């Protein structure tokens, strides 16, 4: 492979904001998948992840699609996604990272992925990273003007009102929010030169377990959250990313709730398998050194937490602690109390440019 931009390249990143910025920006839906930079030089194709590790072997169907639908020499920034019946499905996408070649081949047929392009870093022998984004976008559209599924070009608009409509309307398709890119921004690897506005809601959750902090086993690492569906308490996600002082404070706050006599999650072997997770004490697929073991807590504590959205029956991202709710009964922590996005067709997203 001999391209004007060679792997690995750290992708350009975005910083968070609460509102869409107004000005000389171009706005795109924020996709919920694996960030991926595609490098193609003839028949040679490499898919690079955000951390520089190759994704190529896990998505053979995309390698073939890129050969069919992308220019013979190009470097394209985008996102690998999987579209399910209810929108983007990150859990299914995560299952595509598997060590067994036979399993990879099977999943490439059962749950094929798509690639959504949103930036062009190189075409032919030209390095475009020092060109303004508006120019790179024009060249991207020209380079992929004949692309067909599973290769797509993300919708884009310069109208902030349209971007606001996308922010609301496309959430049900599983999109994270909207990204605003300065029209004149150069491609700045590993710099937060863009702006992302993501969805955030709050809800009340039962705190039914916790994990110790991996770097310091004397303080709390994360809280395990539950929601009731009828009489069954489902594990839906975690709160993490506490300041150091709060991790120490939580040890005392949780002390009287530890070692419950009876607990709805006591049979974890069955529960975790049925709920699509892992048994306690096993290692994370993404970090072999990360201990996933936990301790149960009496399911009587209620916390208010901020979250982005539900994917199926679970929180898609780590929730954020807001406050304890001693005025709430655990039984009131149900799925029904959450604001859930109305599903939208992914065809509406891909057709957003009209």
Protein backbone atom coordinates (compact mmCIF):
# COMPACT_ATOMS: atom_id res chain seq x y z
CA UNK A 1 0.00 0.00 0.00
CA UNK A 2 1.38 3.41 -1.06
CA UNK A 3 -1.03 6.29 -0.41
CA UNK A 4 -0.46 10.02 0.25
CA UNK A 5 -1.98 9.43 3.71
CA UNK A 6 -0.79 6.20 5.27
CA UNK A 7 -2.16 4.33 8.30
CA UNK A 8 -2.47 4.78 11.14
CA UNK A 9 -4.18 8.17 11.32
CA UNK A 10 -5.86 9.34 14.53
CA UNK A 11 -9.28 10.67 13.50
CA UNK A 12 -10.37 14.25 14.13
CA UNK A 13 -12.61 14.45 17.21
CA UNK A 14 -15.44 16.58 18.57
CA UNK A 15 -15.99 18.41 21.84
CA UNK A 16 -19.38 18.36 23.54
CA UNK A 17 -21.81 21.26 23.69
CA UNK A 18 -25.38 21.64 24.92
CA UNK A 19 -26.68 23.56 21.89
CA UNK A 20 -25.98 23.58 18.17
CA UNK A 21 -23.61 26.41 17.28
CA UNK A 22 -24.76 29.02 14.76
CA UNK A 23 -22.45 30.37 12.08
CA UNK A 24 -20.38 29.00 9.23
CA UNK A 25 -20.94 25.35 10.09
CA UNK A 26 -21.95 22.21 8.25
CA UNK A 27 -24.10 19.81 10.25
CA UNK A 28 -24.30 16.00 10.09
CA UNK A 29 -26.14 13.30 12.04
CA UNK A 30 -23.90 11.70 14.68
CA UNK A 31 -23.64 8.00 13.95
CA UNK A 32 -23.46 5.37 16.70
CA UNK A 33 -20.95 2.77 15.56
CA UNK A 34 -17.21 2.16 15.22
CA UNK A 35 -15.19 5.12 13.96
CA UNK A 36 -13.23 3.86 10.99
CA UNK A 37 -10.78 5.26 8.44
CA UNK A 38 -10.76 3.36 5.16
CA UNK A 39 -7.49 3.10 3.20
CA UNK A 40 -7.76 1.73 -0.33
CA UNK A 41 -4.92 1.28 -2.80
CA UNK A 42 -6.21 -0.90 -5.61
CA UNK A 43 -7.15 -4.30 -4.22
CA UNK A 44 -5.49 -3.50 -0.90
CA UNK A 45 -8.00 -2.32 1.71
CA UNK A 46 -7.40 -1.57 5.36
CA UNK A 47 -9.96 -0.50 7.95
CA UNK A 48 -8.40 1.46 10.81
CA UNK A 49 -10.12 1.99 14.17
CA UNK A 50 -10.08 5.14 16.29
CA UNK A 51 -7.19 3.76 18.38
CA UNK A 52 -5.21 2.74 15.30
CA UNK A 53 -5.91 -0.98 15.54
CA UNK A 54 -7.06 -2.72 12.34
CA UNK A 55 -10.72 -3.69 11.93
CA UNK A 56 -10.22 -5.26 8.50
CA UNK A 57 -10.55 -8.94 9.45
CA UNK A 58 -13.83 -8.41 11.29
CA UNK A 59 -15.74 -6.92 8.35
CA UNK A 60 -14.91 -8.88 5.18
CA UNK A 61 -18.21 -7.83 3.57
CA UNK A 62 -17.14 -4.17 3.83
CA UNK A 63 -13.77 -4.89 2.23
CA UNK A 64 -15.56 -6.25 -0.83
CA UNK A 65 -18.04 -3.35 -0.87
CA UNK A 66 -15.21 -0.80 -0.67
CA UNK A 67 -13.48 -2.40 -3.64
CA UNK A 68 -16.75 -2.18 -5.56
CA UNK A 69 -17.91 1.31 -4.59
CA UNK A 70 -14.91 3.48 -3.65
CA UNK A 71 -12.23 5.04 -5.87
CA UNK A 72 -9.17 2.85 -6.44
CA UNK A 73 -6.92 5.14 -4.36
CA UNK A 74 -8.53 6.96 -1.45
CA UNK A 75 -8.57 7.51 2.31
CA UNK A 76 -12.05 8.03 3.75
CA UNK A 77 -13.14 8.79 7.32
CA UNK A 78 -16.48 7.41 8.48
CA UNK A 79 -18.36 5.02 10.73
CA UNK A 80 -19.08 1.30 10.62
CA UNK A 81 -22.66 0.65 11.70
CA UNK A 82 -25.21 -2.16 11.74
CA UNK A 83 -28.85 -1.35 11.08
CA UNK A 84 -31.42 -3.56 12.80
CA UNK A 85 -35.20 -3.56 12.67
CA UNK A 86 -35.35 -0.76 15.28
CA UNK A 87 -32.44 1.33 14.02
CA UNK A 88 -28.71 1.17 14.64
CA UNK A 89 -27.73 -1.72 16.89
CA UNK A 90 -24.43 -1.20 18.69
CA UNK A 91 -24.72 -4.42 20.71
CA UNK A 92 -24.89 -6.50 17.53
CA UNK A 93 -22.02 -4.48 16.06
CA UNK A 94 -19.90 -5.22 19.15
CA UNK A 95 -20.43 -8.94 18.63
CA UNK A 96 -18.66 -8.67 15.28
CA UNK A 97 -15.32 -8.33 17.10
CA UNK A 98 -14.61 -12.04 17.48
CA UNK A 99 -11.32 -13.98 17.45
CA UNK A 100 -12.63 -16.99 15.48
CA UNK A 101 -12.45 -16.64 11.69
CA UNK A 102 -15.38 -19.01 11.23
CA UNK A 103 -17.52 -16.88 13.53
CA UNK A 104 -16.48 -13.69 11.71
CA UNK A 105 -17.49 -15.25 8.38
CA UNK A 106 -20.87 -16.35 9.74
CA UNK A 107 -21.68 -12.98 11.32
CA UNK A 108 -20.68 -11.12 8.14
CA UNK A 109 -23.64 -12.89 6.49
CA UNK A 110 -26.09 -12.86 9.41
CA UNK A 111 -25.50 -9.25 10.56
CA UNK A 112 -23.78 -7.41 7.70
CA UNK A 113 -22.37 -3.97 8.42
CA UNK A 114 -22.56 -0.70 6.51
CA UNK A 115 -20.00 2.09 6.12
CA UNK A 116 -21.13 5.72 6.39
CA UNK A 117 -18.56 8.13 4.91
CA UNK A 118 -18.25 11.71 6.17
CA UNK A 119 -14.79 12.99 5.26
CA UNK A 120 -12.17 12.53 2.54
CA UNK A 121 -8.52 12.64 3.57
CA UNK A 122 -6.91 11.64 0.27
CA UNK A 123 -7.88 10.89 -3.32
CA UNK A 124 -5.48 9.59 -5.96
CA UNK A 125 -2.09 11.09 -5.15
CA UNK A 126 -3.50 14.13 -3.30
CA UNK A 127 -3.46 14.66 0.47
CA UNK A 128 -6.57 16.72 1.29
CA UNK A 129 -6.02 17.21 5.01
CA UNK A 130 -4.93 20.84 4.56
CA UNK A 131 -8.03 21.67 2.51
CA UNK A 132 -11.09 23.21 4.23
CA UNK A 133 -13.83 20.77 5.19
CA UNK A 134 -16.34 22.30 2.74
CA UNK A 135 -13.94 21.49 -0.11
CA UNK A 136 -13.25 17.98 1.21
CA UNK A 137 -17.00 17.36 1.44
CA UNK A 138 -17.52 18.40 -2.20
CA UNK A 139 -14.77 16.02 -3.27
CA UNK A 140 -16.22 13.24 -1.10
CA UNK A 141 -19.59 13.56 -2.83
CA UNK A 142 -17.91 13.43 -6.23
CA UNK A 143 -15.75 10.46 -5.28
CA UNK A 144 -18.70 8.44 -3.97
CA UNK A 145 -21.40 9.68 -6.33
CA UNK A 146 -22.06 6.14 -7.54
CA UNK A 147 -21.72 4.42 -4.17
CA UNK A 148 -24.41 1.92 -3.29
CA UNK A 149 -25.32 0.10 -0.06
CA UNK A 150 -23.62 -0.90 2.13
CA UNK A 151 -21.49 2.20 1.39
CA UNK A 152 -23.25 5.50 2.14
CA UNK A 153 -22.42 9.20 2.35
CA UNK A 154 -23.82 10.89 5.46
CA UNK A 155 -26.46 13.58 5.02
CA UNK A 156 -25.27 17.16 5.51
CA UNK A 157 -26.84 20.61 5.80
CA UNK A 158 -25.73 24.19 6.36
CA UNK A 159 -29.11 25.10 7.88
CA UNK A 160 -29.17 25.00 11.69
CA UNK A 161 -32.97 24.59 11.71
CA UNK A 162 -32.69 21.47 9.56
CA UNK A 163 -29.95 20.18 11.87
CA UNK A 164 -32.26 20.75 14.83
CA UNK A 165 -34.97 18.76 13.09
CA UNK A 166 -32.50 15.93 12.51
CA UNK A 167 -31.51 16.03 16.17
CA UNK A 168 -35.10 15.24 17.16
CA UNK A 169 -36.31 13.15 14.24
CA UNK A 170 -33.38 10.78 13.75
CA UNK A 171 -32.93 9.82 17.39
CA UNK A 172 -35.38 6.96 17.01
CA UNK A 173 -33.09 5.50 14.37
CA UNK A 174 -30.41 5.15 17.03
CA UNK A 175 -28.32 8.19 16.13
CA UNK A 176 -26.45 9.98 18.93
CA UNK A 177 -27.20 13.57 17.99
CA UNK A 178 -25.67 16.08 15.57
CA UNK A 179 -22.06 17.04 14.76
CA UNK A 180 -21.26 20.61 13.69
CA UNK A 181 -18.11 21.08 11.61
CA UNK A 182 -16.64 24.51 10.82
CA UNK A 183 -16.80 24.85 7.04
CA UNK A 184 -13.17 26.00 6.89
CA UNK A 185 -11.67 23.49 9.35
CA UNK A 186 -8.64 21.51 8.17
CA UNK A 187 -8.39 17.83 9.03
CA UNK A 188 -6.71 17.88 12.44
CA UNK A 189 -5.94 14.34 13.66
CA UNK A 190 -6.69 13.66 17.34
CA UNK A 191 -7.85 17.24 17.93
CA UNK A 192 -11.35 18.19 19.09
CA UNK A 193 -11.99 20.60 16.25
CA UNK A 194 -15.70 19.78 15.78
CA UNK A 195 -18.73 20.19 18.05
CA UNK A 196 -21.13 17.40 19.03
CA UNK A 197 -24.54 17.87 20.60
CA UNK A 198 -25.90 14.66 22.08
CA UNK A 199 -29.22 13.68 23.60
CA UNK A 200 -29.54 13.63 27.38
CA UNK A 201 -32.45 12.57 29.57
CA UNK A 202 -32.81 11.78 33.25
CA UNK A 203 -34.55 8.91 34.98
CA UNK A 204 -34.80 7.17 38.35
CA UNK A 205 -32.98 3.83 38.72
CA UNK A 206 -32.57 1.20 41.40
CA UNK A 207 -28.93 0.82 42.53
CA UNK A 208 -28.66 -2.94 43.00
CA UNK A 209 -24.91 -3.54 42.90
CA UNK A 210 -21.49 -1.94 42.47
CA UNK A 211 -17.98 -2.63 41.25
CA UNK A 212 -14.74 -1.63 42.96
CA UNK A 213 -12.52 0.82 41.09
CA UNK A 214 -9.95 -1.15 39.13
CA UNK A 215 -7.06 1.23 39.91
CA UNK A 216 -7.85 1.40 43.64
CA UNK A 217 -9.89 -1.46 45.13
CA UNK A 218 -10.66 0.59 48.24
CA UNK A 219 -13.05 2.93 46.42
CA UNK A 220 -16.15 2.46 44.27
CA UNK A 221 -15.76 2.22 40.51
CA UNK A 222 -19.33 2.06 39.21
CA UNK A 223 -22.94 1.62 40.29
CA UNK A 224 -25.11 -1.04 38.67
CA UNK A 225 -28.56 0.19 37.67
CA UNK A 226 -31.87 -1.63 37.46
CA UNK A 227 -35.36 -0.97 36.15
CA UNK A 228 -38.53 -2.90 36.87
CA UNK A 229 -40.65 -4.56 34.22
CA UNK A 230 -43.67 -5.79 36.17
CA UNK A 231 -42.08 -7.61 39.14
CA UNK A 232 -38.71 -8.34 37.49
CA UNK A 233 -35.70 -6.10 38.10
CA UNK A 234 -33.57 -5.86 34.93
CA UNK A 235 -29.93 -4.81 34.86
CA UNK A 236 -29.88 -1.89 32.41
CA UNK A 237 -26.45 -0.28 32.75
CA UNK A 238 -24.02 1.51 35.05
CA UNK A 239 -23.02 4.91 36.39
CA UNK A 240 -19.28 5.50 36.20
CA UNK A 241 -16.68 8.29 35.82
CA UNK A 242 -16.91 9.61 39.37
CA UNK A 243 -14.45 12.19 40.76
CA UNK A 244 -11.95 10.66 43.20
CA UNK A 245 -13.63 12.26 46.22
CA UNK A 246 -17.02 10.86 45.22
CA UNK A 247 -15.58 7.35 44.82
CA UNK A 248 -14.42 7.47 48.45
CA UNK A 249 -17.69 8.97 49.62
CA UNK A 250 -19.69 6.19 47.97
CA UNK A 251 -17.97 3.54 50.10
CA UNK A 252 -19.65 4.96 53.20
CA UNK A 253 -22.96 5.64 51.46
CA UNK A 254 -23.24 2.03 50.29
CA UNK A 255 -21.95 0.32 53.44
CA UNK A 256 -25.32 -0.43 55.05
CA UNK A 257 -26.74 -1.85 51.79
CA UNK A 258 -24.03 -4.47 51.20
CA UNK A 259 -24.43 -8.24 51.70
CA UNK A 260 -28.22 -8.42 51.26
CA UNK A 261 -29.90 -11.60 52.52
CA UNK A 262 -32.11 -11.91 49.46
CA UNK A 263 -31.62 -10.34 46.04
CA UNK A 264 -33.37 -10.67 42.66
CA UNK A 265 -29.98 -10.89 40.93
CA UNK A 266 -28.52 -13.60 43.13
CA UNK A 267 -28.67 -16.18 40.33
CA UNK A 268 -26.33 -14.29 38.03
CA UNK A 269 -25.28 -17.21 35.89
CA UNK A 270 -28.80 -17.55 34.54
CA UNK A 271 -29.67 -13.88 34.62
CA UNK A 272 -26.65 -12.57 32.75
CA UNK A 273 -26.88 -15.17 29.98
CA UNK A 274 -30.60 -14.56 29.53
CA UNK A 275 -30.07 -10.80 29.56
CA UNK A 276 -27.34 -10.91 26.93
CA UNK A 277 -24.45 -10.02 29.25
CA UNK A 278 -21.61 -11.90 30.90
CA UNK A 279 -21.30 -13.84 34.10
CA UNK A 280 -19.52 -12.00 36.92
CA UNK A 281 -15.79 -12.42 37.29
CA UNK A 282 -15.16 -12.83 33.57
CA UNK A 283 -13.05 -10.42 31.55
CA UNK A 284 -14.19 -7.70 29.19
CA UNK A 285 -13.97 -8.37 25.46
CA UNK A 286 -12.52 -4.88 24.96
CA UNK A 287 -10.03 -4.88 27.85
CA UNK A 288 -8.62 -8.24 28.88
CA UNK A 289 -7.40 -6.83 32.19
CA UNK A 290 -10.73 -5.35 33.23
CA UNK A 291 -12.46 -7.24 36.04
CA UNK A 292 -16.24 -7.35 35.62
CA UNK A 293 -16.98 -8.87 39.05
CA UNK A 294 -19.30 -6.99 41.37
CA UNK A 295 -21.04 -6.92 44.74
CA UNK A 296 -24.79 -6.94 45.23
CA UNK A 297 -26.59 -4.20 47.15
CA UNK A 298 -30.00 -4.31 48.75
CA UNK A 299 -32.23 -3.01 45.90
CA UNK A 300 -33.71 -0.18 47.95
CA UNK A 301 -31.51 2.73 46.91
CA UNK A 302 -32.85 5.00 44.15
CA UNK A 303 -30.68 7.36 42.11
CA UNK A 304 -31.48 9.98 39.51
CA UNK A 305 -29.12 9.60 36.56
CA UNK A 306 -28.66 11.27 33.19
CA UNK A 307 -28.55 9.05 30.12
CA UNK A 308 -28.58 9.44 26.35
CA UNK A 309 -30.91 6.73 25.11
CA UNK A 310 -32.12 3.18 25.53
CA UNK A 311 -31.06 0.58 23.01
CA UNK A 312 -33.60 -2.17 23.38
CA UNK A 313 -33.81 -2.79 27.13
CA UNK A 314 -30.45 -1.33 28.14
CA UNK A 315 -28.72 2.05 28.32
CA UNK A 316 -26.50 2.51 25.28
CA UNK A 317 -23.84 4.56 27.13
CA UNK A 318 -22.65 4.92 30.72
CA UNK A 319 -25.10 7.01 32.76
CA UNK A 320 -24.08 10.02 34.87
CA UNK A 321 -24.86 10.52 38.56
CA UNK A 322 -27.21 13.40 39.39
CA UNK A 323 -28.49 12.83 42.95
CA UNK A 324 -29.89 10.29 45.37
CA UNK A 325 -33.70 10.09 45.49
CA UNK A 326 -34.69 8.98 49.03
CA UNK A 327 -38.22 10.17 48.25
CA UNK A 328 -38.67 7.53 45.52
CA UNK A 329 -39.77 3.94 45.98
CA UNK A 330 -37.71 1.35 44.08
CA UNK A 331 -40.91 -0.05 42.57
CA UNK A 332 -41.44 3.30 40.80
CA UNK A 333 -38.24 2.79 38.78
CA UNK A 334 -39.86 1.28 35.70
CA UNK A 335 -39.22 1.47 31.96
CA UNK A 336 -42.48 3.38 31.62
CA UNK A 337 -41.09 6.46 33.40
CA UNK A 338 -38.37 6.95 30.78
CA UNK A 339 -38.75 9.20 27.76
CA UNK A 340 -38.06 6.92 24.80
CA UNK A 341 -37.40 8.16 21.27
CA UNK A 342 -39.95 7.35 18.59
CA UNK A 343 -38.43 4.92 16.07
CA UNK A 344 -37.46 6.34 12.70
CA UNK A 345 -36.56 4.59 9.49
CA UNK A 346 -32.89 4.65 8.59
CA UNK A 347 -34.06 5.28 5.03
CA UNK A 348 -35.19 8.70 6.28
CA UNK A 349 -31.66 9.40 7.49
CA UNK A 350 -29.95 8.36 4.26
CA UNK A 351 -32.55 10.28 2.27
CA UNK A 352 -32.23 13.46 4.33
CA UNK A 353 -30.50 15.38 1.54
CA UNK A 354 -33.59 14.95 -0.61
